[in-house]
């Protein structure tokens, strides 16, 4: 991913790091760390790949 590309999981959630990809039944998912937001710490979570957005 280039410096000009951002990966997000929603309007307020930017992905800091993708840890891995895996399957939950039929869903292809990504284990990610979300960037800290408004003083809240970074959060590790699992997000369906279809819900990840690539933006500039």
C-alpha atoms as a PDB file:
ATOM      1  CA  UNK A   1       0.000   0.000   0.000  1.00  0.00           C
ATOM      2  CA  UNK A   2       1.446   3.383  -0.925  1.00  0.00           C
ATOM      3  CA  UNK A   3       1.623   6.383   1.399  1.00  0.00           C
ATOM      4  CA  UNK A   4      -1.229   7.988  -0.573  1.00  0.00           C
ATOM      5  CA  UNK A   5      -3.566   5.027  -0.008  1.00  0.00           C
ATOM      6  CA  UNK A   6      -5.677   4.545   3.113  1.00  0.00           C
ATOM      7  CA  UNK A   7      -7.577   1.437   4.131  1.00  0.00           C
ATOM      8  CA  UNK A   8     -10.676   2.037   6.238  1.00  0.00           C
ATOM      9  CA  UNK A   9     -13.377  -0.002   7.891  1.00  0.00           C
ATOM     10  CA  UNK A  10     -15.978   2.736   8.032  1.00  0.00           C
ATOM     11  CA  UNK A  11     -16.367   6.513   8.067  1.00  0.00           C
ATOM     12  CA  UNK A  12     -14.418   6.966  11.334  1.00  0.00           C
ATOM     13  CA  UNK A  13     -12.215   3.863  11.319  1.00  0.00           C
ATOM     14  CA  UNK A  14      -8.823   3.799   9.594  1.00  0.00           C
ATOM     15  CA  UNK A  15      -6.846   0.582   9.462  1.00  0.00           C
ATOM     16  CA  UNK A  16      -3.355   0.967  10.882  1.00  0.00           C
ATOM     17  CA  UNK A  17      -2.164  -2.582  10.154  1.00  0.00           C
ATOM     18  CA  UNK A  18      -3.521  -5.760   8.525  1.00  0.00           C
ATOM     19  CA  UNK A  19      -2.363  -8.746  10.569  1.00  0.00           C
ATOM     20  CA  UNK A  20      -3.750 -11.600   8.457  1.00  0.00           C
ATOM     21  CA  UNK A  21      -6.611 -12.905   6.332  1.00  0.00           C
ATOM     22  CA  UNK A  22      -8.724 -15.906   7.295  1.00  0.00           C
ATOM     23  CA  UNK A  23     -12.141 -17.568   6.826  1.00  0.00           C
ATOM     24  CA  UNK A  24     -15.166 -17.573   9.139  1.00  0.00           C
ATOM     25  CA  UNK A  25     -17.426 -20.039   7.355  1.00  0.00           C
ATOM     26  CA  UNK A  26     -18.194 -18.442   3.972  1.00  0.00           C
ATOM     27  CA  UNK A  27     -16.818 -15.009   5.008  1.00  0.00           C
ATOM     28  CA  UNK A  28     -13.292 -13.950   4.077  1.00  0.00           C
ATOM     29  CA  UNK A  29     -12.090 -11.747   6.950  1.00  0.00           C
ATOM     30  CA  UNK A  30      -9.095  -9.618   7.903  1.00  0.00           C
ATOM     31  CA  UNK A  31      -7.606  -9.300  11.363  1.00  0.00           C
ATOM     32  CA  UNK A  32      -6.695  -5.619  11.606  1.00  0.00           C
ATOM     33  CA  UNK A  33      -5.553  -2.973  14.049  1.00  0.00           C
ATOM     34  CA  UNK A  34      -7.625   0.200  13.817  1.00  0.00           C
ATOM     35  CA  UNK A  35      -5.893   3.548  14.394  1.00  0.00           C
ATOM     36  CA  UNK A  36      -6.622   5.318  17.682  1.00  0.00           C
ATOM     37  CA  UNK A  37      -9.586   7.718  17.463  1.00  0.00           C
ATOM     38  CA  UNK A  38     -10.370  10.673  19.760  1.00  0.00           C
ATOM     39  CA  UNK A  39      -8.136   9.488  22.570  1.00  0.00           C
ATOM     40  CA  UNK A  40      -9.301   5.861  22.430  1.00  0.00           C
ATOM     41  CA  UNK A  41      -6.481   3.327  22.048  1.00  0.00           C
ATOM     42  CA  UNK A  42      -5.803   1.292  18.912  1.00  0.00           C
ATOM     43  CA  UNK A  43      -8.157  -1.688  18.615  1.00  0.00           C
ATOM     44  CA  UNK A  44      -7.521  -5.134  17.158  1.00  0.00           C
ATOM     45  CA  UNK A  45     -10.570  -6.652  15.472  1.00  0.00           C
ATOM     46  CA  UNK A  46     -11.826  -8.928  12.722  1.00  0.00           C
ATOM     47  CA  UNK A  47     -13.607  -7.307   9.769  1.00  0.00           C
ATOM     48  CA  UNK A  48     -15.163  -8.969   6.693  1.00  0.00           C
ATOM     49  CA  UNK A  49     -12.955  -8.140   3.698  1.00  0.00           C
ATOM     50  CA  UNK A  50     -16.028  -6.931   1.766  1.00  0.00           C
ATOM     51  CA  UNK A  51     -16.433  -4.134   4.339  1.00  0.00           C
ATOM     52  CA  UNK A  52     -12.886  -2.777   3.950  1.00  0.00           C
ATOM     53  CA  UNK A  53     -12.627   0.346   1.800  1.00  0.00           C
ATOM     54  CA  UNK A  54      -9.554   1.550  -0.100  1.00  0.00           C
ATOM     55  CA  UNK A  55      -9.254   5.290  -0.518  1.00  0.00           C
ATOM     56  CA  UNK A  56      -6.674   7.916  -1.368  1.00  0.00           C
END
